[in-house]
Amino acid sequence: MLTWARRRARRLAPFAWRDETIRKLRADKQQLLEQLGADTPSFLHHTMADRRINAHMSDRNYPDRGNLVARKLKSYAFAQSHGVRIPTMFGIWDRPEDIDWSSLPDEVVIKSNTGASTRGVFPLRRVDGAWSIVTTSTPIAAEDVVARLQSRHADHLIGGPFFAEELLGGGRGNRLPDEVRVAAFYGEIAHVVLRQVHDHGNTGTVKARRISIDGAALDGDEEHDGLEVPGNLDELVDVARRLSSCVPRPYVRVDLYDIAGEVVFGELTPRPGSPKLTADLDRRLGELWEEAEARVLNDVIDGGDYRMRFGPGPRELRVGDVEVFVPERGFDA
């Protein structure tokens, strides 16, 4: 009887007008959401929001968990503690002008502890007492490298300390080793980007190819000359999966290298640039982001925190027998 009465009441003009208004408002809301893309998961939307949140945290002097992940020395210690090989280190200095050039081997990479892209990275080869960028034959004096590092440090584009490490692959053929960039969502792997740099610092010369975790081409990416799927792709993906599952963030890009069949750690990138994505891929990655964020929050609710979880292996970084970095003691601010 009550249900029948309600149905009869809704036919009255005031109730009918109310129901029609509600239906229209809901339809308008849905249309607006579709126009804004707000009802569709989006990787790009999440990355932009993450940057804005980081800016708010910076304004309030809160610790930036993303930047802690991005610090190269800490990420090296983190990877090493999980049994992943890192490049051999030859020296570490507080300031660029302190670099002891005479102690370095003929092939070396100078790096800053922080800095996006290649701003603080100089892959060098010594020839007849002079230095050159590995991918070119143009000489560059050690003083010029120091001056560039100093300038970028003064502009807050990079941060110290500064260190020297092995040039993976030895720079053979005037080239850098191919990068294996793995898109990881707290233990879930979306895809792998194979990347080849022909001219250091010149993004226009970069070749890239996106593949699935089983090596199949994605998004119409066809095979590129010289960009072959690594024979140890399964191992590379497994390493990225293990490392990302210990980084409590919805997304982190795990950069690795395949050096003569051995997996070598590169870096962790929590906030990549704006990659070119199809609408379908942007949505799929957005879904992975949201699912991963739910898992991160659940682990935090269960008593975890937002700090990187180191493995059981050694985390101290050394130059020869000398300990030069311990994560708990600094370079994290």
Foldseek 3Di string as FASTA:
>chain_A
DVVVVVVVVCVDPVNVVVVVVVVVVVVVVVVVCVVVVVVFFFPLVVLVVLVVVQVVCVVVVHADLQVLQFQFLQVCLQLVLVVAAAFAWADKDQALVPDDVVSDDQWKWKAFRDAPACQGIATWGADPNFIDGLLDPDTDHSVNSRVSNVVCVVVVRTHHTMTMGGQFPNSPPSFHFWKWKWKDFLLDTAWIKIKGDNDRPDPVRIDIFIAHLVGHGPPPGDDDVPRHDDPVSVVVSVSVSVQSNQQLARIKIWMWGQRVNGIYGDGIRPRDDDDDDDPVVRSVVSVSSVVSNVVSVVVVVVPDDRHGDGHNHGSFRDNVPHTDDDVVPDPSD
